[in-house]
Amino acid sequence: MTFFDAARRDYVAANAGTLYWMLQRPALGGGFLNTKQNSLTLKDYGAEDGLRGPDYTYGWIQGRGLEALVGHAEFFEEELPPLAEKLDAAGRRLYGLLVDLEQADGHAYFCYDCDMRPVYADASGAIREQHRQGTIYSYSDAFVAKGLVAAASRYGLPDLTEHLAYFDQVIAAIESDHFQMDDRRPLSIDRIALQADDFGPRMILLGAAGMLKRLGHTGHLDYADRFIAHVMERHFDDATGLLRNVPGEDLCNVGHGIEFVGFVLDYLGDDTDPTLIEKLERILISSFDKGFVGPGIALTVSTATGEPQSPYCPWWSLPETIRAAALVHLRTGSAESLRVWKAAHAAFFEHYWRGSPPIAYQTMTKDGPVDFVPATPDLDPGYHTGLSLLAAIHAADGLMPNTRIAR
């Protein structure tokens, strides 16, 4: 069995396992996805766990989850039809809930309390109601907009035009300085004026470009080439091959650099300038080689020295590396991209993947798993892990087409 065939088998099994695990869990709030489990102890979070518990619903996670449900339903229609049916049922239910949230005031928010009011925790840990700002958009808007577009497209729903307009508004907010990156704090124009020029918002929204292209929504893709050019011109460090978080500053979130590569390659056509492909491959290899410190990829490294600046190695950067390396290898066939793919694959399944249950440790250090939450306490609803591995499945199919036809 070749590496590609074995990897494909592992990815299909991992994704199916996670999705079945997630679908059988009791829903939150009448239909929201429930992945509120501690990845170390395997205990479900309870009301006593505060913001980690079932009284709080994260718009981030639910938007990601809807996109994942839809993407996997399409894939499993052929591979495992009963699972696809369950995914579609959950997707339709979650879609309705997210439409209701977004239509309340045209936005989605990072966190909601048990009454579905947007909230955040202040510096003292006290729960405060979030400021509702009509002109300000956030990552939560981005993730929910992507999920709504994906679901409405798959299910032929009448509100698709409105969801595409919502997505376009997120794009416009990024380009007009009305996008707040830290939506765990009060939303305000003053706060936006003080935030760093990080490439994160453009990177995340590029994650929709491949999906929009496949769905035929080409009229909403003008932003993609602008975003790619912006990131490459302002953040790419030619001396190291890394993407600086902020132009002129030292820190590099290597996982985000790798994620950028995967999203861009998912979108670009066969007629792409080979020079750009070479630079994307360089970002992948440089980011991985400098960030992979064991057991995973460090959260940040110094652009100047290449030294890790954080002891934490989150799970998500490994499947993102698998996606990016697979897509690079599909384009270039290079030995280096295959080396990175194999190394990320081995690290993820040997150190992070629990298998039973089919989830990953959220964060590890060189001493093993730690209780550190990268962004939201809920476990991955098939987004970072599932959609990354799904892209790698398609890449593997492209690398062994004769085997794929025989299935």
Protein backbone atom coordinates (compact mmCIF):
# COMPACT_ATOMS: atom_id res chain seq x y z
CA MET A 1 0.00 0.00 0.00
CA THR A 2 1.43 3.40 -0.97
CA PHE A 3 1.64 6.30 1.49
CA PHE A 4 -1.15 8.06 -0.42
CA ASP A 5 -3.50 5.10 -0.18
CA ALA A 6 -2.73 4.51 3.49
CA ALA A 7 -3.09 8.20 4.31
CA ARG A 8 -6.43 8.36 2.51
CA ARG A 9 -7.68 5.40 4.52
CA ASP A 10 -6.56 7.04 7.78
CA TYR A 11 -8.20 10.35 6.91
CA VAL A 12 -11.55 8.86 5.90
CA ALA A 13 -11.64 6.77 9.08
CA ALA A 14 -10.67 9.70 11.31
CA ASN A 15 -13.24 12.04 9.80
CA ALA A 16 -16.05 9.49 9.87
CA GLY A 17 -15.24 8.65 13.47
CA THR A 18 -15.24 12.27 14.59
CA LEU A 19 -18.47 13.06 12.79
CA TYR A 20 -20.31 10.04 14.22
CA TRP A 21 -18.99 10.96 17.68
CA MET A 22 -20.21 14.53 17.29
CA LEU A 23 -23.61 13.61 15.89
CA GLN A 24 -24.45 11.21 18.68
CA ARG A 25 -23.78 13.78 21.41
CA PRO A 26 -26.78 15.64 22.94
CA ALA A 27 -27.27 18.94 21.11
CA LEU A 28 -26.88 22.32 22.76
CA GLY A 29 -29.82 24.71 22.76
CA GLY A 30 -32.10 22.68 20.54
CA GLY A 31 -29.68 21.86 17.76
CA PHE A 32 -26.27 23.47 18.20
CA LEU A 33 -23.27 21.17 17.93
CA ASN A 34 -21.93 19.92 21.25
CA THR A 35 -18.19 19.23 21.37
CA LYS A 36 -17.78 20.42 24.95
CA GLN A 37 -15.45 17.73 26.20
CA ASN A 38 -12.07 18.02 27.89
CA SER A 39 -9.58 16.40 25.52
CA LEU A 40 -7.34 15.33 28.45
CA THR A 41 -9.83 13.90 30.95
CA LEU A 42 -12.54 13.04 28.39
CA LYS A 43 -15.10 14.49 30.81
CA ASP A 44 -17.91 16.61 29.44
CA TYR A 45 -17.83 20.19 30.61
CA GLY A 46 -20.64 21.12 32.99
CA ALA A 47 -22.23 24.30 34.29
CA GLU A 48 -19.48 24.46 36.94
CA ASP A 49 -16.93 25.00 34.14
CA GLY A 50 -18.28 28.46 33.37
CA LEU A 51 -17.44 29.66 29.87
CA ARG A 52 -16.37 26.15 28.90
CA GLY A 53 -19.72 24.71 29.88
CA PRO A 54 -23.02 24.07 28.09
CA ASP A 55 -24.54 27.41 29.13
CA TYR A 56 -22.33 29.16 26.56
CA THR A 57 -22.50 28.70 22.80
CA TYR A 58 -19.68 29.86 20.54
CA GLY A 59 -20.65 31.41 17.23
CA TRP A 60 -17.13 30.69 15.93
CA ILE A 61 -17.49 26.97 16.48
CA GLN A 62 -21.05 26.70 15.15
CA GLY A 63 -20.19 28.52 11.92
CA ARG A 64 -17.17 26.29 11.42
CA GLY A 65 -19.27 23.27 12.22
CA LEU A 66 -21.90 24.11 9.61
CA GLU A 67 -19.26 24.45 6.90
CA ALA A 68 -17.79 21.13 7.99
CA LEU A 69 -21.14 19.31 8.06
CA VAL A 70 -21.90 20.44 4.52
CA GLY A 71 -18.46 19.67 3.14
CA HIS A 72 -18.38 16.21 4.63
CA ALA A 73 -21.95 15.41 3.60
CA GLU A 74 -20.96 15.99 -0.02
CA PHE A 75 -17.96 13.67 0.32
CA PHE A 76 -19.70 10.89 2.22
CA GLU A 77 -22.61 10.72 -0.24
CA GLU A 78 -20.43 8.30 -2.17
CA GLU A 79 -18.22 6.86 0.57
CA LEU A 80 -20.79 6.32 3.34
CA PRO A 81 -24.34 7.42 2.40
CA PRO A 82 -25.96 6.83 5.83
CA LEU A 83 -23.47 9.23 7.38
CA ALA A 84 -24.15 11.82 4.68
CA GLU A 85 -27.87 11.68 5.51
CA LYS A 86 -27.18 12.29 9.19
CA LEU A 87 -24.82 15.16 8.37
CA ASP A 88 -27.40 16.81 6.15
CA ALA A 89 -30.09 16.53 8.83
CA ALA A 90 -27.79 18.14 11.38
CA GLY A 91 -26.70 20.74 8.83
CA ARG A 92 -30.25 21.81 8.03
CA ARG A 93 -31.04 22.15 11.74
CA LEU A 94 -27.90 24.14 12.49
CA TYR A 95 -28.45 26.32 9.44
CA GLY A 96 -31.85 27.42 10.76
CA LEU A 97 -30.43 28.28 14.15
CA LEU A 98 -27.57 30.32 12.70
CA VAL A 99 -29.90 32.17 10.33
CA ASP A 100 -31.99 33.22 13.34
CA LEU A 101 -28.88 34.45 15.18
CA GLU A 102 -27.51 36.38 12.23
CA GLN A 103 -30.83 37.93 11.26
CA ALA A 104 -31.30 39.38 14.76
CA ASP A 105 -28.96 42.27 13.91
CA GLY A 106 -26.96 41.20 10.87
CA HIS A 107 -24.08 39.69 12.83
CA ALA A 108 -22.77 36.60 14.58
CA TYR A 109 -20.82 36.81 17.82
CA PHE A 110 -18.01 34.93 19.49
CA CYS A 111 -19.97 33.78 22.54
CA TYR A 112 -23.63 33.62 23.60
CA ASP A 113 -25.08 33.01 27.05
CA CYS A 114 -27.92 30.60 27.84
CA ASP A 115 -30.43 33.21 26.64
CA MET A 116 -28.47 33.56 23.38
CA ARG A 117 -27.33 37.07 24.18
CA PRO A 118 -23.84 38.00 22.90
CA VAL A 119 -21.43 38.18 25.83
CA TYR A 120 -17.72 38.38 26.65
CA ALA A 121 -15.60 37.98 29.77
CA ASP A 122 -13.88 41.15 30.97
CA ALA A 123 -10.39 41.32 32.48
CA SER A 124 -11.72 40.22 35.87
CA GLY A 125 -13.60 37.27 34.39
CA ALA A 126 -17.01 38.86 34.83
CA ILE A 127 -19.50 38.18 32.02
CA ARG A 128 -20.58 41.31 30.17
CA GLU A 129 -23.06 41.82 27.35
CA GLN A 130 -21.32 42.42 24.04
CA HIS A 131 -21.71 45.77 22.33
CA ARG A 132 -23.76 45.35 19.16
CA GLN A 133 -22.06 47.38 16.45
CA GLY A 134 -23.72 47.30 13.04
CA THR A 135 -20.68 48.48 11.09
CA ILE A 136 -18.14 46.16 12.77
CA TYR A 137 -17.52 42.61 11.60
CA SER A 138 -15.42 39.86 13.17
CA TYR A 139 -14.08 36.34 12.75
CA SER A 140 -17.42 35.06 14.03
CA ASP A 141 -19.16 36.81 11.13
CA ALA A 142 -16.62 35.28 8.75
CA PHE A 143 -17.13 31.71 9.97
CA VAL A 144 -20.92 31.96 10.12
CA ALA A 145 -21.13 33.61 6.69
CA LYS A 146 -19.05 30.80 5.17
CA GLY A 147 -21.23 28.17 6.80
CA LEU A 148 -24.48 29.80 5.69
CA VAL A 149 -23.30 30.11 2.08
CA ALA A 150 -22.16 26.48 2.02
CA ALA A 151 -25.43 25.18 3.48
CA ALA A 152 -27.76 27.33 1.38
CA SER A 153 -25.87 26.30 -1.75
CA ARG A 154 -26.06 22.59 -0.98
CA TYR A 155 -29.70 22.65 0.05
CA GLY A 156 -30.94 25.07 -2.63
CA LEU A 157 -32.30 27.49 -0.03
CA PRO A 158 -33.85 30.85 -0.97
CA ASP A 159 -31.70 33.02 1.31
CA LEU A 160 -28.46 32.26 -0.56
CA THR A 161 -28.32 35.75 -2.09
CA GLU A 162 -28.56 37.32 1.36
CA HIS A 163 -25.84 35.06 2.74
CA LEU A 164 -23.51 35.96 -0.14
CA ALA A 165 -24.19 39.63 0.58
CA TYR A 166 -23.30 39.01 4.25
CA PHE A 167 -20.05 37.38 3.14
CA ASP A 168 -19.31 40.37 0.88
CA GLN A 169 -19.88 42.70 3.82
CA VAL A 170 -17.22 40.85 5.82
CA ILE A 171 -14.79 41.31 2.94
CA ALA A 172 -15.63 45.02 2.72
CA ALA A 173 -15.14 45.40 6.48
CA ILE A 174 -11.61 43.98 6.26
CA GLU A 175 -10.69 46.39 3.48
CA SER A 176 -12.24 49.44 5.18
CA ASP A 177 -10.82 48.90 8.69
CA HIS A 178 -14.14 47.80 10.17
CA PHE A 179 -13.03 44.27 11.08
CA GLN A 180 -12.14 43.53 14.73
CA MET A 181 -9.86 40.54 15.22
CA ASP A 182 -10.35 40.13 18.97
CA ASP A 183 -14.09 39.66 19.31
CA ARG A 184 -13.59 38.39 22.85
CA ARG A 185 -13.47 42.07 23.84
CA PRO A 186 -15.95 44.92 23.40
CA LEU A 187 -16.46 45.73 19.72
CA SER A 188 -15.52 49.29 18.84
CA ILE A 189 -13.95 51.38 16.07
CA ASP A 190 -11.47 52.75 18.61
CA ARG A 191 -10.25 49.23 19.38
CA ILE A 192 -9.89 48.47 15.67
CA ALA A 193 -7.75 51.59 15.24
CA LEU A 194 -5.28 50.17 17.78
CA GLN A 195 -5.08 46.59 16.48
CA ALA A 196 -2.04 45.28 14.63
CA ASP A 197 -1.95 44.82 10.85
CA ASP A 198 -2.09 41.02 11.12
CA PHE A 199 -2.77 38.93 8.00
CA GLY A 200 -5.19 36.68 9.91
CA PRO A 201 -8.47 38.15 8.58
CA ARG A 202 -7.40 37.90 4.96
CA MET A 203 -6.07 34.39 5.52
CA ILE A 204 -9.32 33.16 7.09
CA LEU A 205 -11.49 34.65 4.34
CA LEU A 206 -9.29 33.06 1.70
CA GLY A 207 -10.53 29.82 3.23
CA ALA A 208 -13.83 30.49 1.46
CA ALA A 209 -12.35 31.13 -1.99
CA GLY A 210 -12.01 27.49 -3.05
CA MET A 211 -15.51 26.71 -1.80
CA LEU A 212 -17.05 29.69 -3.64
CA LYS A 213 -15.25 28.68 -6.82
CA ARG A 214 -16.47 25.08 -6.64
CA LEU A 215 -20.03 26.24 -5.96
CA GLY A 216 -19.98 28.56 -8.97
CA HIS A 217 -20.19 31.82 -7.00
CA THR A 218 -17.49 33.41 -9.14
CA GLY A 219 -19.08 36.84 -8.90
CA HIS A 220 -18.00 36.97 -5.26
CA LEU A 221 -14.36 36.01 -5.82
CA ASP A 222 -12.81 39.34 -6.81
CA TYR A 223 -11.35 39.72 -3.34
CA ALA A 224 -9.25 36.54 -3.44
CA ASP A 225 -6.46 37.72 -5.73
CA ARG A 226 -6.32 41.05 -3.87
CA PHE A 227 -5.96 39.28 -0.54
CA ILE A 228 -3.24 36.95 -1.82
CA ALA A 229 -1.27 39.86 -3.28
CA HIS A 230 -1.71 41.89 -0.08
CA VAL A 231 -0.35 39.13 2.15
CA MET A 232 2.54 38.24 -0.14
CA GLU A 233 3.58 41.87 -0.67
CA ARG A 234 3.33 42.99 2.95
CA HIS A 235 4.01 39.91 5.08
CA PHE A 236 6.31 37.59 3.11
CA ASP A 237 9.91 37.70 4.37
CA ASP A 238 12.08 36.68 1.45
CA ALA A 239 15.13 36.07 3.63
CA THR A 240 13.45 33.33 5.69
CA GLY A 241 10.46 32.25 3.62
CA LEU A 242 8.14 33.03 6.55
CA LEU A 243 5.04 35.21 6.80
CA ARG A 244 5.44 37.83 9.51
CA ASN A 245 2.29 38.31 11.55
CA VAL A 246 2.70 42.09 11.22
CA PRO A 247 4.93 43.82 8.64
CA GLY A 248 8.21 44.86 10.23
CA GLU A 249 7.63 42.88 13.42
CA ASP A 250 9.41 39.68 14.44
CA LEU A 251 6.70 37.21 15.46
CA CYS A 252 5.51 34.56 13.02
CA ASN A 253 2.51 32.32 13.62
CA VAL A 254 3.81 29.48 11.48
CA GLY A 255 0.51 27.62 11.65
CA HIS A 256 -1.28 30.58 10.11
CA GLY A 257 1.37 30.77 7.40
CA ILE A 258 0.82 27.12 6.58
CA GLU A 259 -2.96 27.56 6.68
CA PHE A 260 -2.60 30.45 4.20
CA VAL A 261 -0.73 28.16 1.79
CA GLY A 262 -3.46 25.51 1.94
CA PHE A 263 -6.29 27.99 1.41
CA VAL A 264 -4.56 29.70 -1.50
CA LEU A 265 -3.74 26.44 -3.28
CA ASP A 266 -7.32 25.24 -2.82
CA TYR A 267 -8.39 28.30 -4.84
CA LEU A 268 -5.71 28.83 -7.49
CA GLY A 269 -6.21 27.42 -10.97
CA ASP A 270 -3.85 25.41 -13.12
CA ASP A 271 -2.75 28.56 -14.94
CA THR A 272 -1.18 30.12 -11.81
CA ASP A 273 2.20 31.81 -12.15
CA PRO A 274 4.81 29.16 -11.22
CA THR A 275 6.71 31.78 -9.23
CA LEU A 276 3.78 32.09 -6.81
CA ILE A 277 3.59 28.30 -6.45
CA GLU A 278 7.32 28.23 -5.64
CA LYS A 279 6.87 30.91 -2.97
CA LEU A 280 3.91 29.09 -1.44
CA GLU A 281 5.93 25.88 -1.26
CA ARG A 282 8.75 27.81 0.37
CA ILE A 283 6.39 29.24 3.00
CA LEU A 284 5.14 25.73 3.77
CA ILE A 285 8.59 24.19 4.12
CA SER A 286 10.16 27.11 6.01
CA SER A 287 7.22 27.42 8.40
CA PHE A 288 7.16 23.71 9.13
CA ASP A 289 10.91 23.29 9.52
CA LYS A 290 11.19 26.25 11.90
CA GLY A 291 7.97 25.56 13.78
CA PHE A 292 8.08 21.79 14.17
CA VAL A 293 9.72 21.42 17.57
CA GLY A 294 8.01 18.23 18.73
CA PRO A 295 5.53 16.88 19.44
CA GLY A 296 3.90 19.43 17.13
CA ILE A 297 4.28 22.91 15.69
CA ALA A 298 5.02 25.79 18.05
CA LEU A 299 2.41 28.52 18.21
CA THR A 300 4.91 31.25 17.26
CA VAL A 301 8.55 31.56 16.24
CA SER A 302 10.96 34.45 15.83
CA THR A 303 11.40 35.45 12.20
CA ALA A 304 14.92 36.67 12.96
CA THR A 305 16.23 33.62 14.83
CA GLY A 306 13.73 30.86 13.99
CA GLU A 307 13.48 30.08 17.70
CA PRO A 308 10.06 29.10 19.13
CA GLN A 309 8.46 31.83 21.21
CA SER A 310 5.81 29.64 22.85
CA PRO A 311 5.93 26.23 24.54
CA TYR A 312 2.48 25.41 23.22
CA CYS A 313 1.91 23.21 20.17
CA PRO A 314 -1.81 23.24 19.23
CA TRP A 315 -3.31 20.34 17.32
CA TRP A 316 -4.77 22.33 14.44
CA SER A 317 -1.52 23.29 12.72
CA LEU A 318 -0.68 19.64 11.96
CA PRO A 319 -3.81 18.83 9.91
CA GLU A 320 -3.43 22.24 8.27
CA THR A 321 0.11 21.17 7.33
CA ILE A 322 -1.24 17.90 5.94
CA ARG A 323 -3.67 19.88 3.75
CA ALA A 324 -1.07 22.39 2.55
CA ALA A 325 1.64 19.79 1.92
CA ALA A 326 -0.77 17.52 0.04
CA LEU A 327 -1.91 20.38 -2.19
CA VAL A 328 1.66 21.52 -2.79
CA HIS A 329 2.73 17.97 -3.63
CA LEU A 330 -0.17 17.59 -6.03
CA ARG A 331 1.15 20.67 -7.86
CA THR A 332 4.91 20.11 -7.71
CA GLY A 333 5.53 16.45 -6.90
CA SER A 334 8.56 17.60 -4.91
CA ALA A 335 10.38 15.42 -2.40
CA GLU A 336 10.33 18.25 0.16
CA SER A 337 6.55 18.66 0.13
CA LEU A 338 6.15 14.89 0.53
CA ARG A 339 8.63 14.93 3.43
CA VAL A 340 6.59 17.60 5.21
CA TRP A 341 3.33 15.77 4.51
CA LYS A 342 4.65 12.51 5.93
CA ALA A 343 6.16 14.19 9.00
CA ALA A 344 2.96 16.08 9.84
CA HIS A 345 0.88 12.94 9.27
CA ALA A 346 3.08 10.90 11.62
CA ALA A 347 3.16 13.56 14.34
CA PHE A 348 -0.60 14.04 14.31
CA PHE A 349 -1.57 10.39 14.45
CA GLU A 350 1.22 9.30 16.81
CA HIS A 351 1.00 12.12 19.35
CA TYR A 352 -2.31 13.99 19.09
CA TRP A 353 -4.95 11.59 17.80
CA ARG A 354 -6.63 9.68 20.61
CA GLY A 355 -8.52 7.25 18.39
CA SER A 356 -10.95 6.25 21.08
CA PRO A 357 -12.74 8.60 21.22
CA PRO A 358 -11.93 9.95 17.74
CA ILE A 359 -10.65 13.35 18.87
CA ALA A 360 -7.26 15.03 19.23
CA TYR A 361 -5.54 16.55 22.23
CA GLN A 362 -6.09 20.30 21.84
CA THR A 363 -2.62 21.38 22.93
CA MET A 364 0.67 19.72 23.81
CA THR A 365 4.13 20.78 24.95
CA LYS A 366 7.34 18.77 24.88
CA ASP A 367 6.17 17.27 28.19
CA GLY A 368 2.84 16.02 26.82
CA PRO A 369 -0.82 17.15 26.71
CA VAL A 370 -1.74 20.31 28.63
CA ASP A 371 -5.02 22.01 29.48
CA PHE A 372 -4.50 25.07 27.28
CA VAL A 373 -7.36 26.26 25.08
CA PRO A 374 -6.12 27.81 21.80
CA ALA A 375 -9.28 29.79 20.97
CA THR A 376 -12.53 28.19 22.10
CA PRO A 377 -13.00 25.40 24.66
CA ASP A 378 -15.20 23.34 22.34
CA LEU A 379 -13.34 20.65 20.44
CA ASP A 380 -12.96 20.84 16.67
CA PRO A 381 -16.30 20.18 14.89
CA GLY A 382 -14.65 18.76 11.78
CA TYR A 383 -13.21 22.11 10.63
CA HIS A 384 -9.44 22.31 11.15
CA THR A 385 -9.02 18.56 11.31
CA GLY A 386 -11.86 17.33 9.11
CA LEU A 387 -11.76 19.82 6.25
CA SER A 388 -7.97 19.71 6.18
CA LEU A 389 -7.93 15.93 5.94
CA LEU A 390 -10.74 16.06 3.38
CA ALA A 391 -8.62 18.27 1.12
CA ALA A 392 -5.74 15.81 1.54
CA ILE A 393 -8.07 12.96 0.55
CA HIS A 394 -8.86 14.74 -2.70
CA ALA A 395 -5.15 15.40 -3.27
CA ALA A 396 -4.36 11.73 -2.69
CA ASP A 397 -7.07 10.80 -5.19
CA GLY A 398 -5.40 13.10 -7.70
CA LEU A 399 -2.05 11.45 -7.07
CA MET A 400 -3.36 7.91 -7.60
CA PRO A 401 -6.29 8.36 -10.05
CA ASN A 402 -6.30 4.76 -11.27
CA THR A 403 -6.72 3.49 -7.71
CA ARG A 404 -9.52 5.98 -7.10
CA ILE A 405 -11.48 4.88 -10.17
CA ALA A 406 -11.34 1.28 -8.98
CA ARG A 407 -13.14 2.07 -5.72
